[in-house]
């Protein structure tokens, strides 16, 4: 059985026991969070209607907070002496899927 859940602004395909990185969630390490399901596949049965998905619970345990790779942003304009450098590292929360019910 697997489910497609929404983690922040992205969707992830998960099964029980998977470890994945989702967008930052305001939770302490060791807390249990609930992720909203978008689609559920259980063998031959596929659940995608909102009434059926309201009954589905996908729980996850928060393992860690991490950062993604550094993205370098450079803005440059020729012949004017304009050069601007900027960097960004996206923050993620690493979670382990503990149950799909």
PDB file of N, CA and C in Angstrom:
ATOM      1  N   UNK A   1       0.848  -1.162   0.000  1.00  0.00           N
ATOM      2  CA  UNK A   1       0.000   0.000   0.000  1.00  0.00           C
ATOM      3  C   UNK A   1       0.901   1.234   0.000  1.00  0.00           C
ATOM      4  N   UNK A   2       0.534   2.202  -0.805  1.00  0.00           N
ATOM      5  CA  UNK A   2       1.242   3.473  -0.785  1.00  0.00           C
ATOM      6  C   UNK A   2       0.247   4.610  -0.894  1.00  0.00           C
ATOM      7  N   UNK A   3       0.704   5.796  -0.522  1.00  0.00           N
ATOM      8  CA  UNK A   3      -0.141   6.986  -0.575  1.00  0.00           C
ATOM      9  C   UNK A   3       0.687   8.116  -1.161  1.00  0.00           C
ATOM     10  N   UNK A   4      -0.001   9.049  -1.765  1.00  0.00           N
ATOM     11  CA  UNK A   4       0.630  10.279  -2.221  1.00  0.00           C
ATOM     12  C   UNK A   4       0.156  11.360  -1.265  1.00  0.00           C
ATOM     13  N   UNK A   5       1.115  11.978  -0.571  1.00  0.00           N
ATOM     14  CA  UNK A   5       0.795  12.962   0.459  1.00  0.00           C
ATOM     15  C   UNK A   5       1.363  14.313   0.070  1.00  0.00           C
ATOM     16  N   UNK A   6       0.791  15.349   0.671  1.00  0.00           N
ATOM     17  CA  UNK A   6       1.280  16.706   0.453  1.00  0.00           C
ATOM     18  C   UNK A   6       2.183  17.069   1.626  1.00  0.00           C
ATOM     19  N   UNK A   7       3.436  17.384   1.304  1.00  0.00           N
ATOM     20  CA  UNK A   7       4.397  17.819   2.314  1.00  0.00           C
ATOM     21  C   UNK A   7       4.866  19.214   1.963  1.00  0.00           C
ATOM     22  N   UNK A   8       4.231  20.223   2.523  1.00  0.00           N
ATOM     23  CA  UNK A   8       4.555  21.598   2.147  1.00  0.00           C
ATOM     24  C   UNK A   8       3.948  21.916   0.801  1.00  0.00           C
ATOM     25  N   UNK A   9       4.777  22.294  -0.161  1.00  0.00           N
ATOM     26  CA  UNK A   9       4.273  22.649  -1.486  1.00  0.00           C
ATOM     27  C   UNK A   9       4.471  21.526  -2.493  1.00  0.00           C
ATOM     28  N   UNK A  10       4.979  20.378  -2.052  1.00  0.00           N
ATOM     29  CA  UNK A  10       5.260  19.266  -2.959  1.00  0.00           C
ATOM     30  C   UNK A  10       4.437  18.052  -2.578  1.00  0.00           C
ATOM     31  N   UNK A  11       4.349  17.115  -3.526  1.00  0.00           N
ATOM     32  CA  UNK A  11       3.670  15.855  -3.270  1.00  0.00           C
ATOM     33  C   UNK A  11       4.701  14.735  -3.292  1.00  0.00           C
ATOM     34  N   UNK A  12       4.546  13.764  -2.375  1.00  0.00           N
ATOM     35  CA  UNK A  12       5.503  12.675  -2.250  1.00  0.00           C
ATOM     36  C   UNK A  12       4.763  11.348  -2.230  1.00  0.00           C
ATOM     37  N   UNK A  13       5.344  10.337  -2.903  1.00  0.00           N
ATOM     38  CA  UNK A  13       4.810   8.986  -2.864  1.00  0.00           C
ATOM     39  C   UNK A  13       5.480   8.264  -1.704  1.00  0.00           C
ATOM     40  N   UNK A  14       4.682   7.790  -0.738  1.00  0.00           N
ATOM     41  CA  UNK A  14       5.243   7.201   0.475  1.00  0.00           C
ATOM     42  C   UNK A  14       4.616   5.846   0.771  1.00  0.00           C
ATOM     43  N   UNK A  15       5.404   5.003   1.407  1.00  0.00           N
ATOM     44  CA  UNK A  15       4.922   3.758   1.994  1.00  0.00           C
ATOM     45  C   UNK A  15       5.357   3.768   3.453  1.00  0.00           C
ATOM     46  N   UNK A  16       4.847   2.846   4.219  1.00  0.00           N
ATOM     47  CA  UNK A  16       5.177   2.806   5.639  1.00  0.00           C
ATOM     48  C   UNK A  16       6.651   2.456   5.813  1.00  0.00           C
ATOM     49  N   UNK A  17       7.355   3.248   6.630  1.00  0.00           N
ATOM     50  CA  UNK A  17       8.770   3.024   6.874  1.00  0.00           C
ATOM     51  C   UNK A  17       9.698   3.901   6.045  1.00  0.00           C
ATOM     52  N   UNK A  18       9.167   4.656   5.077  1.00  0.00           N
ATOM     53  CA  UNK A  18       9.992   5.542   4.241  1.00  0.00           C
ATOM     54  C   UNK A  18      10.502   6.726   5.047  1.00  0.00           C
ATOM     55  N   UNK A  19      11.703   7.174   4.701  1.00  0.00           N
ATOM     56  CA  UNK A  19      12.273   8.388   5.271  1.00  0.00           C
ATOM     57  C   UNK A  19      12.412   9.384   4.138  1.00  0.00           C
ATOM     58  N   UNK A  20      11.851  10.587   4.306  1.00  0.00           N
ATOM     59  CA  UNK A  20      11.905  11.583   3.244  1.00  0.00           C
ATOM     60  C   UNK A  20      12.058  12.969   3.827  1.00  0.00           C
ATOM     61  N   UNK A  21      12.445  13.904   2.962  1.00  0.00           N
ATOM     62  CA  UNK A  21      12.595  15.299   3.359  1.00  0.00           C
ATOM     63  C   UNK A  21      11.447  16.104   2.767  1.00  0.00           C
ATOM     64  N   UNK A  22      10.738  16.805   3.647  1.00  0.00           N
ATOM     65  CA  UNK A  22       9.649  17.670   3.211  1.00  0.00           C
ATOM     66  C   UNK A  22      10.017  19.107   3.574  1.00  0.00           C
ATOM     67  N   UNK A  23       9.249  20.064   3.088  1.00  0.00           N
ATOM     68  CA  UNK A  23       9.488  21.457   3.448  1.00  0.00           C
ATOM     69  C   UNK A  23       9.385  21.612   4.963  1.00  0.00           C
ATOM     70  N   UNK A  24      10.026  22.631   5.485  1.00  0.00           N
ATOM     71  CA  UNK A  24      10.144  22.827   6.927  1.00  0.00           C
ATOM     72  C   UNK A  24       8.779  22.833   7.609  1.00  0.00           C
ATOM     73  N   UNK A  25       8.667  22.041   8.679  1.00  0.00           N
ATOM     74  CA  UNK A  25       7.464  21.945   9.492  1.00  0.00           C
ATOM     75  C   UNK A  25       7.838  22.401  10.896  1.00  0.00           C
ATOM     76  N   UNK A  26       7.008  23.229  11.491  1.00  0.00           N
ATOM     77  CA  UNK A  26       7.272  23.715  12.843  1.00  0.00           C
ATOM     78  C   UNK A  26       6.886  22.635  13.844  1.00  0.00           C
ATOM     79  N   UNK A  27       7.811  21.716  14.110  1.00  0.00           N
ATOM     80  CA  UNK A  27       7.597  20.644  15.077  1.00  0.00           C
ATOM     81  C   UNK A  27       8.944  20.277  15.688  1.00  0.00           C
ATOM     82  N   UNK A  28       8.896  19.780  16.900  1.00  0.00           N
ATOM     83  CA  UNK A  28      10.116  19.366  17.592  1.00  0.00           C
ATOM     84  C   UNK A  28      10.544  17.978  17.115  1.00  0.00           C
ATOM     85  N   UNK A  29      11.832  17.676  17.290  1.00  0.00           N
ATOM     86  CA  UNK A  29      12.348  16.360  16.931  1.00  0.00           C
ATOM     87  C   UNK A  29      11.699  15.325  17.839  1.00  0.00           C
ATOM     88  N   UNK A  30      11.159  14.257  17.241  1.00  0.00           N
ATOM     89  CA  UNK A  30      10.472  13.216  17.985  1.00  0.00           C
ATOM     90  C   UNK A  30       8.965  13.353  17.989  1.00  0.00           C
ATOM     91  N   UNK A  31       8.447  14.501  17.553  1.00  0.00           N
ATOM     92  CA  UNK A  31       6.995  14.701  17.491  1.00  0.00           C
ATOM     93  C   UNK A  31       6.385  13.869  16.366  1.00  0.00           C
ATOM     94  N   UNK A  32       5.092  13.605  16.492  1.00  0.00           N
ATOM     95  CA  UNK A  32       4.338  12.915  15.453  1.00  0.00           C
ATOM     96  C   UNK A  32       3.465  13.942  14.738  1.00  0.00           C
ATOM     97  N   UNK A  33       3.561  13.963  13.402  1.00  0.00           N
ATOM     98  CA  UNK A  33       2.748  14.886  12.617  1.00  0.00           C
ATOM     99  C   UNK A  33       1.859  14.084  11.676  1.00  0.00           C
ATOM    100  N   UNK A  34       0.830  14.732  11.170  1.00  0.00           N
ATOM    101  CA  UNK A  34      -0.088  14.111  10.227  1.00  0.00           C
ATOM    102  C   UNK A  34       0.036  14.826   8.885  1.00  0.00           C
ATOM    103  N   UNK A  35       0.170  14.060   7.810  1.00  0.00           N
ATOM    104  CA  UNK A  35       0.295  14.624   6.469  1.00  0.00           C
ATOM    105  C   UNK A  35      -1.000  14.380   5.701  1.00  0.00           C
ATOM    106  N   UNK A  36      -1.514  15.392   4.997  1.00  0.00           N
ATOM    107  CA  UNK A  36      -2.758  15.195   4.245  1.00  0.00           C
ATOM    108  C   UNK A  36      -2.527  14.329   3.005  1.00  0.00           C
ATOM    109  N   UNK A  37      -3.398  13.354   2.814  1.00  0.00           N
ATOM    110  CA  UNK A  37      -3.287  12.440   1.675  1.00  0.00           C
ATOM    111  C   UNK A  37      -3.990  13.031   0.459  1.00  0.00           C
ATOM    112  N   UNK A  38      -3.360  12.864  -0.709  1.00  0.00           N
ATOM    113  CA  UNK A  38      -3.921  13.324  -1.969  1.00  0.00           C
ATOM    114  C   UNK A  38      -4.499  12.140  -2.744  1.00  0.00           C
ATOM    115  N   UNK A  39      -3.846  10.965  -2.596  1.00  0.00           N
ATOM    116  CA  UNK A  39      -4.259   9.752  -3.301  1.00  0.00           C
ATOM    117  C   UNK A  39      -3.815   8.555  -2.476  1.00  0.00           C
ATOM    118  N   UNK A  40      -4.611   7.494  -2.463  1.00  0.00           N
ATOM    119  CA  UNK A  40      -4.259   6.271  -1.740  1.00  0.00           C
ATOM    120  C   UNK A  40      -4.455   5.087  -2.661  1.00  0.00           C
ATOM    121  N   UNK A  41      -3.431   4.224  -2.746  1.00  0.00           N
ATOM    122  CA  UNK A  41      -3.512   3.018  -3.562  1.00  0.00           C
ATOM    123  C   UNK A  41      -3.298   1.826  -2.656  1.00  0.00           C
ATOM    124  N   UNK A  42      -4.290   0.943  -2.606  1.00  0.00           N
ATOM    125  CA  UNK A  42      -4.220  -0.246  -1.768  1.00  0.00           C
ATOM    126  C   UNK A  42      -4.461  -1.454  -2.654  1.00  0.00           C
ATOM    127  N   UNK A  43      -3.409  -1.987  -3.249  1.00  0.00           N
ATOM    128  CA  UNK A  43      -3.552  -3.130  -4.151  1.00  0.00           C
ATOM    129  C   UNK A  43      -4.286  -2.711  -5.421  1.00  0.00           C
ATOM    130  N   UNK A  44      -5.490  -3.252  -5.635  1.00  0.00           N
ATOM    131  CA  UNK A  44      -6.293  -2.928  -6.810  1.00  0.00           C
ATOM    132  C   UNK A  44      -7.192  -1.726  -6.590  1.00  0.00           C
ATOM    133  N   UNK A  45      -7.370  -1.306  -5.343  1.00  0.00           N
ATOM    134  CA  UNK A  45      -8.289  -0.225  -5.016  1.00  0.00           C
ATOM    135  C   UNK A  45      -7.556   1.112  -4.947  1.00  0.00           C
ATOM    136  N   UNK A  46      -8.073   2.117  -5.654  1.00  0.00           N
ATOM    137  CA  UNK A  46      -7.499   3.462  -5.654  1.00  0.00           C
ATOM    138  C   UNK A  46      -8.540   4.413  -5.076  1.00  0.00           C
ATOM    139  N   UNK A  47      -8.145   5.174  -4.052  1.00  0.00           N
ATOM    140  CA  UNK A  47      -9.040   6.136  -3.412  1.00  0.00           C
ATOM    141  C   UNK A  47      -8.545   7.530  -3.754  1.00  0.00           C
ATOM    142  N   UNK A  48      -9.391   8.323  -4.409  1.00  0.00           N
ATOM    143  CA  UNK A  48      -9.001   9.687  -4.754  1.00  0.00           C
ATOM    144  C   UNK A  48     -10.101  10.706  -4.455  1.00  0.00           C
ATOM    145  N   UNK A  49     -11.280  10.246  -4.043  1.00  0.00           N
ATOM    146  CA  UNK A  49     -12.358  11.183  -3.745  1.00  0.00           C
ATOM    147  C   UNK A  49     -12.147  11.800  -2.362  1.00  0.00           C
ATOM    148  N   UNK A  50     -12.556  13.046  -2.167  1.00  0.00           N
ATOM    149  CA  UNK A  50     -12.314  13.737  -0.890  1.00  0.00           C
ATOM    150  C   UNK A  50     -12.967  13.058   0.317  1.00  0.00           C
ATOM    151  N   UNK A  51     -14.139  12.440   0.144  1.00  0.00           N
ATOM    152  CA  UNK A  51     -14.800  11.776   1.267  1.00  0.00           C
ATOM    153  C   UNK A  51     -14.007  10.559   1.725  1.00  0.00           C
ATOM    154  N   UNK A  52     -13.467   9.820   0.778  1.00  0.00           N
ATOM    155  CA  UNK A  52     -12.650   8.653   1.134  1.00  0.00           C
ATOM    156  C   UNK A  52     -11.318   9.053   1.730  1.00  0.00           C
ATOM    157  N   UNK A  53     -10.729  10.133   1.230  1.00  0.00           N
ATOM    158  CA  UNK A  53      -9.434  10.584   1.733  1.00  0.00           C
ATOM    159  C   UNK A  53      -9.543  11.233   3.113  1.00  0.00           C
ATOM    160  N   UNK A  54     -10.744  11.691   3.486  1.00  0.00           N
ATOM    161  CA  UNK A  54     -10.927  12.270   4.818  1.00  0.00           C
ATOM    162  C   UNK A  54     -10.743  11.212   5.899  1.00  0.00           C
ATOM    163  N   UNK A  55     -10.956   9.948   5.552  1.00  0.00           N
ATOM    164  CA  UNK A  55     -10.810   8.848   6.509  1.00  0.00           C
ATOM    165  C   UNK A  55      -9.365   8.357   6.611  1.00  0.00           C
ATOM    166  N   UNK A  56      -8.520   8.735   5.657  1.00  0.00           N
ATOM    167  CA  UNK A  56      -7.136   8.244   5.613  1.00  0.00           C
ATOM    168  C   UNK A  56      -6.260   9.081   6.534  1.00  0.00           C
ATOM    169  N   UNK A  57      -5.460   8.413   7.358  1.00  0.00           N
ATOM    170  CA  UNK A  57      -4.512   9.088   8.243  1.00  0.00           C
ATOM    171  C   UNK A  57      -3.103   8.626   7.877  1.00  0.00           C
ATOM    172  N   UNK A  58      -2.249   9.562   7.526  1.00  0.00           N
ATOM    173  CA  UNK A  58      -0.841   9.273   7.277  1.00  0.00           C
ATOM    174  C   UNK A  58      -0.055   9.988   8.370  1.00  0.00           C
ATOM    175  N   UNK A  59       0.590   9.209   9.231  1.00  0.00           N
ATOM    176  CA  UNK A  59       1.335   9.788  10.342  1.00  0.00           C
ATOM    177  C   UNK A  59       2.827   9.634  10.088  1.00  0.00           C
ATOM    178  N   UNK A  60       3.587  10.608  10.588  1.00  0.00           N
ATOM    179  CA  UNK A  60       5.036  10.599  10.412  1.00  0.00           C
ATOM    180  C   UNK A  60       5.699  11.107  11.681  1.00  0.00           C
ATOM    181  N   UNK A  61       6.903  10.622  11.921  1.00  0.00           N
ATOM    182  CA  UNK A  61       7.696  11.045  13.072  1.00  0.00           C
ATOM    183  C   UNK A  61       8.813  11.961  12.585  1.00  0.00           C
ATOM    184  N   UNK A  62       8.997  13.096  13.249  1.00  0.00           N
ATOM    185  CA  UNK A  62      10.029  14.059  12.870  1.00  0.00           C
ATOM    186  C   UNK A  62      11.372  13.539  13.366  1.00  0.00           C
ATOM    187  N   UNK A  63      12.337  13.381  12.427  1.00  0.00           N
ATOM    188  CA  UNK A  63      13.652  12.869  12.774  1.00  0.00           C
ATOM    189  C   UNK A  63      14.680  13.982  12.942  1.00  0.00           C
ATOM    190  N   UNK A  64      14.659  14.969  12.025  1.00  0.00           N
ATOM    191  CA  UNK A  64      15.744  15.944  12.007  1.00  0.00           C
ATOM    192  C   UNK A  64      15.342  17.133  11.148  1.00  0.00           C
ATOM    193  N   UNK A  65      16.059  18.233  11.311  1.00  0.00           N
ATOM    194  CA  UNK A  65      15.937  19.382  10.410  1.00  0.00           C
ATOM    195  C   UNK A  65      17.239  19.513   9.656  1.00  0.00           C
ATOM    196  N   UNK A  66      17.164  19.626   8.330  1.00  0.00           N
ATOM    197  CA  UNK A  66      18.353  19.693   7.494  1.00  0.00           C
ATOM    198  C   UNK A  66      18.255  20.889   6.554  1.00  0.00           C
ATOM    199  N   UNK A  67      19.345  21.126   5.823  1.00  0.00           N
ATOM    200  CA  UNK A  67      19.367  22.165   4.803  1.00  0.00           C
ATOM    201  C   UNK A  67      19.750  21.537   3.471  1.00  0.00           C
ATOM    202  N   UNK A  68      19.199  22.070   2.409  1.00  0.00           N
ATOM    203  CA  UNK A  68      19.510  21.594   1.075  1.00  0.00           C
ATOM    204  C   UNK A  68      20.823  22.172   0.583  1.00  0.00           C
ATOM    205  N   UNK A  69      21.176  21.890  -0.661  1.00  0.00           N
ATOM    206  CA  UNK A  69      22.421  22.428  -1.207  1.00  0.00           C
ATOM    207  C   UNK A  69      22.338  23.935  -1.403  1.00  0.00           C
ATOM    208  N   UNK A  70      23.488  24.597  -1.386  1.00  0.00           N
ATOM    209  CA  UNK A  70      23.522  26.040  -1.551  1.00  0.00           C
ATOM    210  C   UNK A  70      23.299  26.383  -3.020  1.00  0.00           C
ATOM    211  N   UNK A  71      22.408  27.310  -3.252  1.00  0.00           N
ATOM    212  CA  UNK A  71      22.123  27.810  -4.597  1.00  0.00           C
ATOM    213  C   UNK A  71      22.733  29.195  -4.689  1.00  0.00           C
ATOM    214  N   UNK A  72      23.579  29.404  -5.694  1.00  0.00           N
ATOM    215  CA  UNK A  72      24.238  30.693  -5.866  1.00  0.00           C
ATOM    216  C   UNK A  72      23.482  31.511  -6.907  1.00  0.00           C
ATOM    217  N   UNK A  73      23.175  32.749  -6.545  1.00  0.00           N
ATOM    218  CA  UNK A  73      22.444  33.652  -7.418  1.00  0.00           C
ATOM    219  C   UNK A  73      23.367  34.827  -7.720  1.00  0.00           C
ATOM    220  N   UNK A  74      23.602  35.099  -9.006  1.00  0.00           N
ATOM    221  CA  UNK A  74      24.474  36.200  -9.415  1.00  0.00           C
ATOM    222  C   UNK A  74      23.703  37.066 -10.395  1.00  0.00           C
ATOM    223  N   UNK A  75      23.628  38.365 -10.087  1.00  0.00           N
ATOM    224  CA  UNK A  75      23.021  39.331 -11.000  1.00  0.00           C
ATOM    225  C   UNK A  75      24.137  40.236 -11.497  1.00  0.00           C
ATOM    226  N   UNK A  76      24.206  40.434 -12.806  1.00  0.00           N
ATOM    227  CA  UNK A  76      25.304  41.187 -13.405  1.00  0.00           C
ATOM    228  C   UNK A  76      24.772  42.024 -14.561  1.00  0.00           C
ATOM    229  N   UNK A  77      25.216  43.263 -14.618  1.00  0.00           N
ATOM    230  CA  UNK A  77      24.886  44.119 -15.755  1.00  0.00           C
ATOM    231  C   UNK A  77      26.190  44.604 -16.371  1.00  0.00           C
ATOM    232  N   UNK A  78      26.301  44.408 -17.654  1.00  0.00           N
ATOM    233  CA  UNK A  78      27.519  44.753 -18.380  1.00  0.00           C
ATOM    234  C   UNK A  78      27.731  46.277 -18.431  1.00  0.00           C
ATOM    235  N   UNK A  79      28.978  46.709 -18.318  1.00  0.00           N
ATOM    236  CA  UNK A  79      29.431  48.095 -18.505  1.00  0.00           C
ATOM    237  C   UNK A  79      28.904  49.071 -17.461  1.00  0.00           C
ATOM    238  N   UNK A  80      28.279  48.611 -16.401  1.00  0.00           N
ATOM    239  CA  UNK A  80      27.777  49.544 -15.402  1.00  0.00           C
ATOM    240  C   UNK A  80      28.398  49.305 -14.027  1.00  0.00           C
ATOM    241  N   UNK A  81      29.184  48.264 -13.888  1.00  0.00           N
ATOM    242  CA  UNK A  81      29.811  47.963 -12.615  1.00  0.00           C
ATOM    243  C   UNK A  81      28.871  47.336 -11.607  1.00  0.00           C
ATOM    244  N   UNK A  82      27.738  46.825 -12.060  1.00  0.00           N
ATOM    245  CA  UNK A  82      26.744  46.229 -11.153  1.00  0.00           C
ATOM    246  C   UNK A  82      26.968  44.724 -11.067  1.00  0.00           C
ATOM    247  N   UNK A  83      27.217  44.234  -9.862  1.00  0.00           N
ATOM    248  CA  UNK A  83      27.365  42.813  -9.612  1.00  0.00           C
ATOM    249  C   UNK A  83      26.801  42.528  -8.226  1.00  0.00           C
ATOM    250  N   UNK A  84      25.848  41.633  -8.165  1.00  0.00           N
ATOM    251  CA  UNK A  84      25.220  41.292  -6.891  1.00  0.00           C
ATOM    252  C   UNK A  84      25.264  39.777  -6.735  1.00  0.00           C
ATOM    253  N   UNK A  85      25.763  39.322  -5.582  1.00  0.00           N
ATOM    254  CA  UNK A  85      25.830  37.895  -5.298  1.00  0.00           C
ATOM    255  C   UNK A  85      24.925  37.595  -4.110  1.00  0.00           C
ATOM    256  N   UNK A  86      24.247  36.462  -4.218  1.00  0.00           N
ATOM    257  CA  UNK A  86      23.332  36.058  -3.167  1.00  0.00           C
ATOM    258  C   UNK A  86      23.314  34.539  -3.114  1.00  0.00           C
ATOM    259  N   UNK A  87      23.096  33.969  -1.948  1.00  0.00           N
ATOM    260  CA  UNK A  87      23.008  32.527  -1.795  1.00  0.00           C
ATOM    261  C   UNK A  87      21.746  32.149  -1.032  1.00  0.00           C
ATOM    262  N   UNK A  88      21.338  30.896  -1.200  1.00  0.00           N
ATOM    263  CA  UNK A  88      20.129  30.418  -0.526  1.00  0.00           C
ATOM    264  C   UNK A  88      20.289  28.935  -0.224  1.00  0.00           C
ATOM    265  N   UNK A  89      19.883  28.530   0.983  1.00  0.00           N
ATOM    266  CA  UNK A  89      19.815  27.118   1.353  1.00  0.00           C
ATOM    267  C   UNK A  89      18.426  26.844   1.917  1.00  0.00           C
ATOM    268  N   UNK A  90      17.675  26.009   1.232  1.00  0.00           N
ATOM    269  CA  UNK A  90      16.316  25.671   1.653  1.00  0.00           C
ATOM    270  C   UNK A  90      16.367  24.784   2.891  1.00  0.00           C
ATOM    271  N   UNK A  91      15.502  25.040   3.845  1.00  0.00           N
ATOM    272  CA  UNK A  91      15.424  24.234   5.060  1.00  0.00           C
ATOM    273  C   UNK A  91      14.366  23.144   4.896  1.00  0.00           C
ATOM    274  N   UNK A  92      14.725  21.929   5.311  1.00  0.00           N
ATOM    275  CA  UNK A  92      13.848  20.774   5.194  1.00  0.00           C
ATOM    276  C   UNK A  92      13.679  20.097   6.551  1.00  0.00           C
ATOM    277  N   UNK A  93      12.622  19.305   6.666  1.00  0.00           N
ATOM    278  CA  UNK A  93      12.394  18.466   7.830  1.00  0.00           C
ATOM    279  C   UNK A  93      12.428  17.019   7.357  1.00  0.00           C
ATOM    280  N   UNK A  94      13.278  16.214   7.983  1.00  0.00           N
ATOM    281  CA  UNK A  94      13.359  14.797   7.639  1.00  0.00           C
ATOM    282  C   UNK A  94      12.361  14.046   8.509  1.00  0.00           C
ATOM    283  N   UNK A  95      11.469  13.286   7.876  1.00  0.00           N
ATOM    284  CA  UNK A  95      10.429  12.547   8.597  1.00  0.00           C
ATOM    285  C   UNK A  95      10.450  11.078   8.191  1.00  0.00           C
ATOM    286  N   UNK A  96       9.955  10.236   9.091  1.00  0.00           N
ATOM    287  CA  UNK A  96       9.795   8.811   8.817  1.00  0.00           C
ATOM    288  C   UNK A  96       8.310   8.492   8.897  1.00  0.00           C
ATOM    289  N   UNK A  97       7.782   7.879   7.851  1.00  0.00           N
ATOM    290  CA  UNK A  97       6.361   7.533   7.793  1.00  0.00           C
ATOM    291  C   UNK A  97       6.124   6.338   8.717  1.00  0.00           C
ATOM    292  N   UNK A  98       5.254   6.531   9.711  1.00  0.00           N
ATOM    293  CA  UNK A  98       5.007   5.486  10.696  1.00  0.00           C
ATOM    294  C   UNK A  98       3.712   4.713  10.456  1.00  0.00           C
ATOM    295  N   UNK A  99       2.785   5.309   9.714  1.00  0.00           N
ATOM    296  CA  UNK A  99       1.541   4.579   9.493  1.00  0.00           C
ATOM    297  C   UNK A  99       0.657   5.203   8.427  1.00  0.00           C
ATOM    298  N   UNK A 100      -0.014   4.329   7.684  1.00  0.00           N
ATOM    299  CA  UNK A 100      -1.041   4.731   6.713  1.00  0.00           C
ATOM    300  C   UNK A 100      -2.278   3.926   7.065  1.00  0.00           C
ATOM    301  N   UNK A 101      -3.317   4.617   7.559  1.00  0.00           N
ATOM    302  CA  UNK A 101      -4.532   3.907   8.002  1.00  0.00           C
ATOM    303  C   UNK A 101      -5.741   4.469   7.308  1.00  0.00           C
TER     304      UNK A 101
END
